[in-house]
Amino acid sequence: MIRRIIPMALAAAIITAIGAPATTTAEENTVKASAAWIGKGRIFQTGEDTAVFLGAFGGVLYVESQEGKLDAVELICPGTFDIELKSGDQEGTGNCIITDKDGDRVFAEWACDGQKMVSCKGSFKLTSGTGKFQGITGKSPLRARTSLSEIVVDLKSGAVAEAGAGLLVLPELKYKLP
């Protein structure tokens, strides 16, 4: 009997010392997320009827169901918009840095088109992450609304500083963590 117990105890000790297979914290989810944002930037007239906006917006991204690791995270999104001055049509692209309370980050890309100061519809893609977000992938349609709150004009250069606020909605954010 003792001869059987010793090998079993030795095997248990080896498994404990080496460690059992690690459990993963994989997460796959589809959520509706939104952020009220504020932003600042500059508009430069680049042609008779065209302009470029360079700036950034930021806020806190909330998941409607309060589920998952992407709820209540900070969001900062630098980007540019090409604007047709006569029609108000715009096309924008940029990136986002999403940071949680522990300092772990998710990196994203966005693109949209629409009407200046009305709405912008497009796509939002999660490209990579750090810490607990390492290996994250995902995407969502994107809808943004904007309201202008302040304009300052530099008469010498023609540049316009603009501050605004708005709402970013990711109605179907599908993401996967390995």
N, C-alpha and C. Protein backbone atom coordinates (compact mmCIF):
# COMPACT_ATOMS: atom_id res chain seq x y z
N MET A 1 0.82 -1.19 0.00
CA MET A 1 0.00 0.00 0.00
C MET A 1 0.86 1.25 0.00
N ILE A 2 1.90 1.25 0.82
CA ILE A 2 2.78 2.40 0.89
C ILE A 2 3.50 2.59 -0.44
N ARG A 3 3.82 1.48 -1.11
CA ARG A 3 4.49 1.58 -2.41
C ARG A 3 3.61 2.32 -3.44
N ARG A 4 2.31 2.21 -3.34
CA ARG A 4 1.41 2.92 -4.25
C ARG A 4 1.28 4.39 -3.87
N ILE A 5 1.25 4.70 -2.62
CA ILE A 5 1.06 6.07 -2.14
C ILE A 5 2.27 6.93 -2.48
N ILE A 6 3.48 6.42 -2.33
CA ILE A 6 4.68 7.21 -2.58
C ILE A 6 4.74 7.69 -4.04
N PRO A 7 4.55 6.84 -5.06
CA PRO A 7 4.58 7.35 -6.43
C PRO A 7 3.47 8.37 -6.70
N MET A 8 2.28 8.16 -6.13
CA MET A 8 1.19 9.11 -6.33
C MET A 8 1.51 10.44 -5.67
N ALA A 9 2.07 10.41 -4.49
CA ALA A 9 2.44 11.65 -3.79
C ALA A 9 3.55 12.36 -4.55
N LEU A 10 4.52 11.59 -5.08
CA LEU A 10 5.61 12.16 -5.87
C LEU A 10 5.05 12.82 -7.13
N ALA A 11 4.12 12.19 -7.82
CA ALA A 11 3.51 12.75 -9.03
C ALA A 11 2.75 14.03 -8.69
N ALA A 12 2.02 14.04 -7.59
CA ALA A 12 1.28 15.23 -7.17
C ALA A 12 2.23 16.37 -6.85
N ALA A 13 3.35 16.07 -6.21
CA ALA A 13 4.34 17.10 -5.88
C ALA A 13 4.96 17.68 -7.14
N ILE A 14 5.25 16.85 -8.13
CA ILE A 14 5.84 17.33 -9.39
C ILE A 14 4.85 18.23 -10.12
N ILE A 15 3.59 17.81 -10.20
CA ILE A 15 2.58 18.62 -10.88
C ILE A 15 2.42 19.96 -10.17
N THR A 16 2.42 19.96 -8.85
CA THR A 16 2.30 21.20 -8.09
C THR A 16 3.51 22.09 -8.32
N ALA A 17 4.71 21.52 -8.34
CA ALA A 17 5.93 22.31 -8.53
C ALA A 17 5.98 22.91 -9.94
N ILE A 18 5.62 22.11 -10.94
CA ILE A 18 5.65 22.59 -12.32
C ILE A 18 4.49 23.54 -12.56
N GLY A 19 3.40 23.24 -11.96
CA GLY A 19 2.21 24.06 -12.16
C GLY A 19 1.24 23.37 -13.09
N ALA A 20 -0.01 23.49 -12.75
CA ALA A 20 -1.06 22.94 -13.59
C ALA A 20 -1.23 23.85 -14.79
N PRO A 21 -1.85 23.35 -15.84
CA PRO A 21 -2.07 24.19 -17.00
C PRO A 21 -2.78 25.48 -16.61
N ALA A 22 -2.30 26.61 -17.15
CA ALA A 22 -2.87 27.91 -16.81
C ALA A 22 -4.25 28.04 -17.41
N THR A 23 -5.14 28.67 -16.64
CA THR A 23 -6.46 28.94 -17.18
C THR A 23 -6.40 30.26 -17.93
N THR A 24 -7.13 30.36 -19.00
CA THR A 24 -7.11 31.58 -19.78
C THR A 24 -8.27 32.46 -19.38
N THR A 25 -8.13 33.74 -19.64
CA THR A 25 -9.19 34.70 -19.35
C THR A 25 -9.75 35.23 -20.67
N ALA A 26 -9.94 34.32 -21.61
CA ALA A 26 -10.47 34.72 -22.91
C ALA A 26 -11.83 35.37 -22.73
N GLU A 27 -12.07 36.37 -23.55
CA GLU A 27 -13.34 37.07 -23.49
C GLU A 27 -13.75 37.42 -24.92
N GLU A 28 -14.97 37.09 -25.26
CA GLU A 28 -15.53 37.45 -26.55
C GLU A 28 -16.89 38.05 -26.27
N ASN A 29 -17.15 39.25 -26.81
CA ASN A 29 -18.35 39.96 -26.43
C ASN A 29 -18.80 40.88 -27.56
N THR A 30 -20.07 41.16 -27.60
CA THR A 30 -20.64 42.19 -28.47
C THR A 30 -21.44 43.12 -27.58
N VAL A 31 -21.07 44.40 -27.58
CA VAL A 31 -21.70 45.36 -26.69
C VAL A 31 -22.05 46.64 -27.45
N LYS A 32 -22.92 47.42 -26.87
CA LYS A 32 -23.20 48.77 -27.36
C LYS A 32 -22.46 49.72 -26.42
N ALA A 33 -21.61 50.57 -26.99
CA ALA A 33 -20.81 51.49 -26.17
C ALA A 33 -20.98 52.91 -26.69
N SER A 34 -20.82 53.88 -25.81
CA SER A 34 -20.92 55.28 -26.21
C SER A 34 -20.08 56.14 -25.29
N ALA A 35 -19.73 57.32 -25.81
CA ALA A 35 -18.94 58.28 -25.03
C ALA A 35 -19.39 59.69 -25.38
N ALA A 36 -19.71 60.47 -24.36
CA ALA A 36 -19.85 61.90 -24.56
C ALA A 36 -18.42 62.42 -24.61
N TRP A 37 -18.11 63.27 -25.58
CA TRP A 37 -16.73 63.69 -25.75
C TRP A 37 -16.62 65.21 -25.88
N ILE A 38 -15.44 65.71 -25.59
CA ILE A 38 -15.10 67.09 -25.89
C ILE A 38 -13.84 67.05 -26.74
N GLY A 39 -13.69 68.05 -27.58
CA GLY A 39 -12.54 68.04 -28.47
C GLY A 39 -12.06 69.45 -28.79
N LYS A 40 -10.83 69.51 -29.26
CA LYS A 40 -10.23 70.77 -29.69
C LYS A 40 -9.38 70.50 -30.91
N GLY A 41 -9.25 71.52 -31.73
CA GLY A 41 -8.41 71.38 -32.90
C GLY A 41 -8.34 72.67 -33.68
N ARG A 42 -7.75 72.57 -34.85
CA ARG A 42 -7.62 73.74 -35.72
C ARG A 42 -8.08 73.38 -37.12
N ILE A 43 -8.69 74.36 -37.76
CA ILE A 43 -9.12 74.21 -39.14
C ILE A 43 -8.25 75.12 -39.99
N PHE A 44 -7.70 74.55 -41.07
CA PHE A 44 -6.88 75.32 -41.99
C PHE A 44 -7.56 75.30 -43.35
N GLN A 45 -7.76 76.46 -43.95
CA GLN A 45 -8.30 76.51 -45.30
C GLN A 45 -7.19 76.11 -46.25
N THR A 46 -7.42 75.04 -46.99
CA THR A 46 -6.40 74.48 -47.87
C THR A 46 -6.68 74.73 -49.34
N GLY A 47 -7.78 75.36 -49.63
CA GLY A 47 -8.16 75.69 -51.00
C GLY A 47 -9.34 76.63 -50.94
N GLU A 48 -9.80 77.04 -52.10
CA GLU A 48 -10.91 77.99 -52.15
C GLU A 48 -12.14 77.44 -51.45
N ASP A 49 -12.42 76.15 -51.64
CA ASP A 49 -13.61 75.54 -51.07
C ASP A 49 -13.31 74.36 -50.16
N THR A 50 -12.06 74.21 -49.72
CA THR A 50 -11.68 73.06 -48.90
C THR A 50 -10.93 73.50 -47.65
N ALA A 51 -11.02 72.66 -46.63
CA ALA A 51 -10.30 72.90 -45.38
C ALA A 51 -9.94 71.56 -44.76
N VAL A 52 -8.99 71.61 -43.83
CA VAL A 52 -8.58 70.43 -43.08
C VAL A 52 -8.69 70.75 -41.60
N PHE A 53 -9.30 69.84 -40.85
CA PHE A 53 -9.35 69.94 -39.39
C PHE A 53 -8.33 68.97 -38.82
N LEU A 54 -7.49 69.45 -37.89
CA LEU A 54 -6.54 68.61 -37.15
C LEU A 54 -6.85 68.77 -35.68
N GLY A 55 -7.09 67.68 -34.97
CA GLY A 55 -7.41 67.81 -33.56
C GLY A 55 -7.59 66.48 -32.88
N ALA A 56 -8.21 66.52 -31.72
CA ALA A 56 -8.45 65.32 -30.93
C ALA A 56 -9.70 65.49 -30.09
N PHE A 57 -10.37 64.37 -29.83
CA PHE A 57 -11.50 64.38 -28.92
C PHE A 57 -11.29 63.29 -27.88
N GLY A 58 -11.92 63.45 -26.75
CA GLY A 58 -11.76 62.46 -25.69
C GLY A 58 -12.94 62.46 -24.74
N GLY A 59 -13.04 61.38 -23.98
CA GLY A 59 -14.10 61.23 -23.00
C GLY A 59 -13.98 59.89 -22.31
N VAL A 60 -15.08 59.42 -21.75
CA VAL A 60 -15.12 58.11 -21.10
C VAL A 60 -16.08 57.24 -21.90
N LEU A 61 -15.62 56.05 -22.28
CA LEU A 61 -16.42 55.10 -23.05
C LEU A 61 -17.16 54.19 -22.07
N TYR A 62 -18.49 54.18 -22.20
CA TYR A 62 -19.31 53.34 -21.34
C TYR A 62 -20.00 52.26 -22.16
N VAL A 63 -20.04 51.06 -21.62
CA VAL A 63 -20.78 49.96 -22.22
C VAL A 63 -22.18 49.99 -21.62
N GLU A 64 -23.20 49.97 -22.48
CA GLU A 64 -24.58 50.10 -22.03
C GLU A 64 -24.94 49.06 -20.97
N SER A 65 -24.50 47.82 -21.14
CA SER A 65 -24.83 46.75 -20.20
C SER A 65 -23.89 46.70 -18.99
N GLN A 66 -22.88 47.55 -18.98
CA GLN A 66 -21.86 47.59 -17.92
C GLN A 66 -21.08 46.30 -17.82
N GLU A 67 -20.98 45.55 -18.92
CA GLU A 67 -20.28 44.26 -18.93
C GLU A 67 -18.93 44.40 -19.62
N GLY A 68 -18.01 43.57 -19.22
CA GLY A 68 -16.74 43.44 -19.93
C GLY A 68 -15.68 44.43 -19.48
N LYS A 69 -14.50 44.22 -20.03
CA LYS A 69 -13.33 45.00 -19.64
C LYS A 69 -13.26 46.37 -20.30
N LEU A 70 -14.16 46.65 -21.26
CA LEU A 70 -14.13 47.94 -21.96
C LEU A 70 -15.14 48.94 -21.41
N ASP A 71 -15.73 48.66 -20.26
CA ASP A 71 -16.67 49.59 -19.65
C ASP A 71 -15.93 50.62 -18.81
N ALA A 72 -16.33 51.88 -18.94
CA ALA A 72 -15.80 53.00 -18.16
C ALA A 72 -14.29 53.17 -18.34
N VAL A 73 -13.86 53.18 -19.60
CA VAL A 73 -12.45 53.37 -19.93
C VAL A 73 -12.26 54.75 -20.56
N GLU A 74 -11.07 55.33 -20.38
CA GLU A 74 -10.77 56.64 -20.97
C GLU A 74 -10.47 56.48 -22.45
N LEU A 75 -10.86 57.50 -23.21
CA LEU A 75 -10.74 57.47 -24.66
C LEU A 75 -10.15 58.80 -25.13
N ILE A 76 -9.09 58.75 -25.93
CA ILE A 76 -8.55 59.94 -26.58
C ILE A 76 -8.30 59.58 -28.04
N CYS A 77 -8.83 60.42 -28.94
CA CYS A 77 -8.80 60.08 -30.36
C CYS A 77 -8.31 61.25 -31.20
N PRO A 78 -7.03 61.25 -31.60
CA PRO A 78 -6.56 62.27 -32.53
C PRO A 78 -7.00 61.91 -33.96
N GLY A 79 -7.19 62.94 -34.78
CA GLY A 79 -7.59 62.66 -36.15
C GLY A 79 -7.62 63.89 -37.03
N THR A 80 -7.97 63.67 -38.28
CA THR A 80 -8.09 64.75 -39.26
C THR A 80 -9.40 64.59 -40.03
N PHE A 81 -9.92 65.72 -40.49
CA PHE A 81 -11.09 65.75 -41.36
C PHE A 81 -10.80 66.62 -42.56
N ASP A 82 -11.12 66.13 -43.74
CA ASP A 82 -11.12 66.95 -44.95
C ASP A 82 -12.55 67.45 -45.12
N ILE A 83 -12.69 68.78 -45.29
CA ILE A 83 -14.01 69.40 -45.30
C ILE A 83 -14.22 70.16 -46.61
N GLU A 84 -15.36 69.93 -47.23
CA GLU A 84 -15.80 70.72 -48.38
C GLU A 84 -16.61 71.89 -47.80
N LEU A 85 -16.10 73.10 -47.94
CA LEU A 85 -16.71 74.25 -47.27
C LEU A 85 -18.11 74.59 -47.80
N LYS A 86 -18.35 74.48 -49.07
CA LYS A 86 -19.67 74.83 -49.62
C LYS A 86 -20.75 73.85 -49.19
N SER A 87 -20.48 72.57 -49.29
CA SER A 87 -21.49 71.56 -48.99
C SER A 87 -21.49 71.12 -47.53
N GLY A 88 -20.35 71.28 -46.84
CA GLY A 88 -20.23 70.78 -45.47
C GLY A 88 -19.87 69.31 -45.40
N ASP A 89 -19.70 68.66 -46.56
CA ASP A 89 -19.30 67.25 -46.56
C ASP A 89 -17.93 67.10 -45.90
N GLN A 90 -17.75 66.01 -45.18
CA GLN A 90 -16.48 65.77 -44.50
C GLN A 90 -16.13 64.30 -44.54
N GLU A 91 -14.83 64.02 -44.53
CA GLU A 91 -14.30 62.67 -44.39
C GLU A 91 -13.20 62.74 -43.34
N GLY A 92 -13.26 61.83 -42.37
CA GLY A 92 -12.27 61.85 -41.31
C GLY A 92 -11.64 60.50 -41.06
N THR A 93 -10.40 60.53 -40.57
CA THR A 93 -9.70 59.32 -40.16
C THR A 93 -8.87 59.64 -38.93
N GLY A 94 -8.56 58.61 -38.16
CA GLY A 94 -7.72 58.82 -36.99
C GLY A 94 -7.51 57.55 -36.21
N ASN A 95 -7.04 57.74 -35.02
CA ASN A 95 -6.73 56.64 -34.11
C ASN A 95 -7.35 56.93 -32.75
N CYS A 96 -7.45 55.93 -31.92
CA CYS A 96 -7.90 56.10 -30.54
C CYS A 96 -6.98 55.33 -29.61
N ILE A 97 -6.78 55.89 -28.44
CA ILE A 97 -6.06 55.22 -27.36
C ILE A 97 -7.07 55.07 -26.24
N ILE A 98 -7.37 53.85 -25.87
CA ILE A 98 -8.35 53.55 -24.83
C ILE A 98 -7.57 53.01 -23.64
N THR A 99 -7.73 53.64 -22.47
CA THR A 99 -6.94 53.27 -21.30
C THR A 99 -7.85 52.93 -20.13
N ASP A 100 -7.60 51.78 -19.48
CA ASP A 100 -8.42 51.41 -18.33
C ASP A 100 -7.77 51.92 -17.05
N LYS A 101 -8.42 51.65 -15.92
CA LYS A 101 -7.96 52.18 -14.62
C LYS A 101 -6.59 51.65 -14.21
N ASP A 102 -6.16 50.51 -14.79
CA ASP A 102 -4.85 49.95 -14.48
C ASP A 102 -3.75 50.45 -15.41
N GLY A 103 -4.11 51.27 -16.40
CA GLY A 103 -3.13 51.77 -17.36
C GLY A 103 -2.94 50.88 -18.57
N ASP A 104 -3.69 49.79 -18.66
CA ASP A 104 -3.61 48.93 -19.84
C ASP A 104 -4.36 49.62 -20.98
N ARG A 105 -3.87 49.43 -22.21
CA ARG A 105 -4.40 50.19 -23.35
C ARG A 105 -4.88 49.31 -24.48
N VAL A 106 -5.85 49.87 -25.21
CA VAL A 106 -6.33 49.31 -26.47
C VAL A 106 -6.10 50.39 -27.51
N PHE A 107 -5.61 50.00 -28.68
CA PHE A 107 -5.38 50.94 -29.78
C PHE A 107 -6.39 50.65 -30.87
N ALA A 108 -6.92 51.72 -31.46
CA ALA A 108 -7.96 51.57 -32.47
C ALA A 108 -7.76 52.56 -33.61
N GLU A 109 -8.42 52.28 -34.72
CA GLU A 109 -8.45 53.17 -35.88
C GLU A 109 -9.91 53.48 -36.18
N TRP A 110 -10.18 54.70 -36.65
CA TRP A 110 -11.54 55.05 -37.02
C TRP A 110 -11.55 55.80 -38.35
N ALA A 111 -12.66 55.73 -39.03
CA ALA A 111 -12.88 56.47 -40.27
C ALA A 111 -14.37 56.73 -40.38
N CYS A 112 -14.73 57.93 -40.89
CA CYS A 112 -16.14 58.23 -41.07
C CYS A 112 -16.31 59.34 -42.10
N ASP A 113 -17.53 59.48 -42.59
CA ASP A 113 -17.86 60.60 -43.46
C ASP A 113 -19.28 61.06 -43.14
N GLY A 114 -19.56 62.30 -43.49
CA GLY A 114 -20.88 62.86 -43.20
C GLY A 114 -20.89 64.35 -43.43
N GLN A 115 -21.68 65.05 -42.62
CA GLN A 115 -21.82 66.50 -42.71
C GLN A 115 -21.20 67.16 -41.49
N LYS A 116 -20.36 68.18 -41.73
CA LYS A 116 -19.71 68.91 -40.64
C LYS A 116 -20.78 69.45 -39.69
N MET A 117 -20.57 69.26 -38.42
CA MET A 117 -21.42 69.72 -37.34
C MET A 117 -22.78 69.00 -37.29
N VAL A 118 -22.97 67.94 -38.08
CA VAL A 118 -24.23 67.20 -38.05
C VAL A 118 -23.95 65.78 -37.59
N SER A 119 -23.35 64.97 -38.46
CA SER A 119 -23.06 63.59 -38.09
C SER A 119 -21.95 63.03 -38.97
N CYS A 120 -21.38 61.94 -38.50
CA CYS A 120 -20.33 61.25 -39.23
C CYS A 120 -20.54 59.76 -38.96
N LYS A 121 -20.63 58.97 -40.03
CA LYS A 121 -20.84 57.52 -39.90
C LYS A 121 -19.68 56.80 -40.55
N GLY A 122 -19.26 55.70 -39.93
CA GLY A 122 -18.15 54.95 -40.50
C GLY A 122 -17.83 53.70 -39.72
N SER A 123 -16.51 53.48 -39.51
CA SER A 123 -16.06 52.24 -38.88
C SER A 123 -15.06 52.52 -37.77
N PHE A 124 -15.00 51.59 -36.83
CA PHE A 124 -14.11 51.65 -35.67
C PHE A 124 -13.49 50.27 -35.54
N LYS A 125 -12.15 50.18 -35.54
CA LYS A 125 -11.47 48.89 -35.52
C LYS A 125 -10.44 48.84 -34.40
N LEU A 126 -10.52 47.84 -33.53
CA LEU A 126 -9.53 47.60 -32.48
C LEU A 126 -8.36 46.88 -33.12
N THR A 127 -7.14 47.44 -32.97
CA THR A 127 -5.98 46.88 -33.68
C THR A 127 -4.99 46.15 -32.79
N SER A 128 -4.85 46.56 -31.53
CA SER A 128 -3.90 45.89 -30.63
C SER A 128 -4.12 46.42 -29.21
N GLY A 129 -3.34 45.86 -28.28
CA GLY A 129 -3.48 46.30 -26.89
C GLY A 129 -2.26 45.95 -26.07
N THR A 130 -2.25 46.44 -24.84
CA THR A 130 -1.18 46.14 -23.89
C THR A 130 -1.79 45.51 -22.64
N GLY A 131 -0.94 44.86 -21.83
CA GLY A 131 -1.40 44.26 -20.58
C GLY A 131 -2.52 43.28 -20.82
N LYS A 132 -3.61 43.43 -20.07
CA LYS A 132 -4.74 42.50 -20.19
C LYS A 132 -5.42 42.56 -21.55
N PHE A 133 -5.12 43.62 -22.34
CA PHE A 133 -5.72 43.76 -23.66
C PHE A 133 -4.81 43.27 -24.79
N GLN A 134 -3.66 42.70 -24.44
CA GLN A 134 -2.73 42.21 -25.47
C GLN A 134 -3.45 41.19 -26.35
N GLY A 135 -3.37 41.39 -27.67
CA GLY A 135 -3.98 40.48 -28.63
C GLY A 135 -5.44 40.79 -28.95
N ILE A 136 -5.99 41.87 -28.41
CA ILE A 136 -7.39 42.19 -28.65
C ILE A 136 -7.63 42.49 -30.13
N THR A 137 -8.79 42.09 -30.61
CA THR A 137 -9.25 42.43 -31.96
C THR A 137 -10.72 42.77 -31.85
N GLY A 138 -11.19 43.53 -32.81
CA GLY A 138 -12.62 43.83 -32.81
C GLY A 138 -12.97 44.97 -33.74
N LYS A 139 -14.29 45.22 -33.88
CA LYS A 139 -14.74 46.29 -34.75
C LYS A 139 -16.18 46.64 -34.43
N SER A 140 -16.58 47.81 -34.95
CA SER A 140 -17.96 48.26 -34.80
C SER A 140 -18.26 49.31 -35.86
N PRO A 141 -19.51 49.42 -36.25
CA PRO A 141 -19.90 50.63 -36.97
C PRO A 141 -19.71 51.81 -36.00
N LEU A 142 -19.53 52.99 -36.53
CA LEU A 142 -19.31 54.19 -35.72
C LEU A 142 -20.30 55.26 -36.14
N ARG A 143 -20.87 55.95 -35.16
CA ARG A 143 -21.71 57.12 -35.41
C ARG A 143 -21.25 58.21 -34.46
N ALA A 144 -21.03 59.40 -34.99
CA ALA A 144 -20.61 60.52 -34.15
C ALA A 144 -21.46 61.74 -34.46
N ARG A 145 -21.78 62.50 -33.43
CA ARG A 145 -22.49 63.77 -33.57
C ARG A 145 -21.65 64.84 -32.92
N THR A 146 -21.73 66.05 -33.47
CA THR A 146 -20.88 67.14 -33.01
C THR A 146 -21.70 68.40 -32.79
N SER A 147 -21.30 69.16 -31.78
CA SER A 147 -21.85 70.48 -31.54
C SER A 147 -20.69 71.43 -31.29
N LEU A 148 -20.62 72.52 -32.03
CA LEU A 148 -19.56 73.50 -31.90
C LEU A 148 -19.81 74.37 -30.67
N SER A 149 -18.76 74.61 -29.88
CA SER A 149 -18.95 75.45 -28.70
C SER A 149 -18.11 76.72 -28.73
N GLU A 150 -17.04 76.76 -29.53
CA GLU A 150 -16.18 77.93 -29.53
C GLU A 150 -15.34 77.98 -30.80
N ILE A 151 -15.19 79.17 -31.37
CA ILE A 151 -14.32 79.37 -32.53
C ILE A 151 -13.44 80.59 -32.27
N VAL A 152 -12.16 80.45 -32.55
CA VAL A 152 -11.21 81.56 -32.47
C VAL A 152 -10.48 81.62 -33.80
N VAL A 153 -10.45 82.81 -34.44
CA VAL A 153 -9.83 82.96 -35.75
C VAL A 153 -8.51 83.71 -35.64
N ASP A 154 -7.46 83.17 -36.27
CA ASP A 154 -6.17 83.85 -36.39
C ASP A 154 -6.19 84.54 -37.75
N LEU A 155 -6.41 85.85 -37.74
CA LEU A 155 -6.57 86.59 -38.99
C LEU A 155 -5.30 86.57 -39.84
N LYS A 156 -4.15 86.49 -39.21
CA LYS A 156 -2.89 86.49 -39.94
C LYS A 156 -2.71 85.22 -40.77
N SER A 157 -2.91 84.07 -40.15
CA SER A 157 -2.68 82.79 -40.84
C SER A 157 -3.94 82.22 -41.47
N GLY A 158 -5.09 82.70 -41.03
CA GLY A 158 -6.34 82.14 -41.52
C GLY A 158 -6.75 80.87 -40.80
N ALA A 159 -5.96 80.44 -39.82
CA ALA A 159 -6.30 79.23 -39.06
C ALA A 159 -7.43 79.53 -38.09
N VAL A 160 -8.25 78.56 -37.87
CA VAL A 160 -9.38 78.69 -36.96
C VAL A 160 -9.24 77.63 -35.87
N ALA A 161 -9.23 78.07 -34.61
CA ALA A 161 -9.22 77.12 -33.50
C ALA A 161 -10.68 76.83 -33.14
N GLU A 162 -10.98 75.56 -32.97
CA GLU A 162 -12.36 75.15 -32.74
C GLU A 162 -12.42 74.22 -31.53
N ALA A 163 -13.43 74.44 -30.69
CA ALA A 163 -13.69 73.53 -29.58
C ALA A 163 -15.13 73.05 -29.72
N GLY A 164 -15.36 71.81 -29.39
CA GLY A 164 -16.70 71.28 -29.53
C GLY A 164 -16.93 70.12 -28.60
N ALA A 165 -18.13 69.62 -28.67
CA ALA A 165 -18.53 68.47 -27.87
C ALA A 165 -19.43 67.60 -28.73
N GLY A 166 -19.61 66.38 -28.33
CA GLY A 166 -20.45 65.51 -29.12
C GLY A 166 -20.66 64.16 -28.47
N LEU A 167 -21.14 63.24 -29.27
CA LEU A 167 -21.44 61.90 -28.81
C LEU A 167 -20.89 60.90 -29.81
N LEU A 168 -20.15 59.93 -29.31
CA LEU A 168 -19.63 58.82 -30.11
C LEU A 168 -20.43 57.58 -29.73
N VAL A 169 -20.97 56.88 -30.73
CA VAL A 169 -21.74 55.65 -30.47
C VAL A 169 -21.12 54.52 -31.28
N LEU A 170 -20.83 53.42 -30.60
CA LEU A 170 -20.37 52.18 -31.21
C LEU A 170 -21.50 51.17 -30.97
N PRO A 171 -22.47 51.09 -31.90
CA PRO A 171 -23.70 50.34 -31.63
C PRO A 171 -23.54 48.82 -31.58
N GLU A 172 -22.45 48.30 -32.15
CA GLU A 172 -22.25 46.85 -32.18
C GLU A 172 -20.76 46.55 -32.11
N LEU A 173 -20.16 46.85 -30.96
CA LEU A 173 -18.73 46.63 -30.77
C LEU A 173 -18.47 45.16 -30.44
N LYS A 174 -17.95 44.45 -31.43
CA LYS A 174 -17.60 43.04 -31.26
C LYS A 174 -16.10 42.99 -30.99
N TYR A 175 -15.72 42.37 -29.86
CA TYR A 175 -14.30 42.25 -29.56
C TYR A 175 -13.98 40.88 -29.00
N LYS A 176 -12.69 40.53 -29.17
CA LYS A 176 -12.23 39.23 -28.69
C LYS A 176 -10.86 39.42 -28.05
N LEU A 177 -10.72 38.86 -26.86
CA LEU A 177 -9.45 38.81 -26.16
C LEU A 177 -8.98 37.37 -26.12
N PRO A 178 -7.71 37.11 -26.45
CA PRO A 178 -7.24 35.71 -26.44
C PRO A 178 -7.19 35.13 -25.02
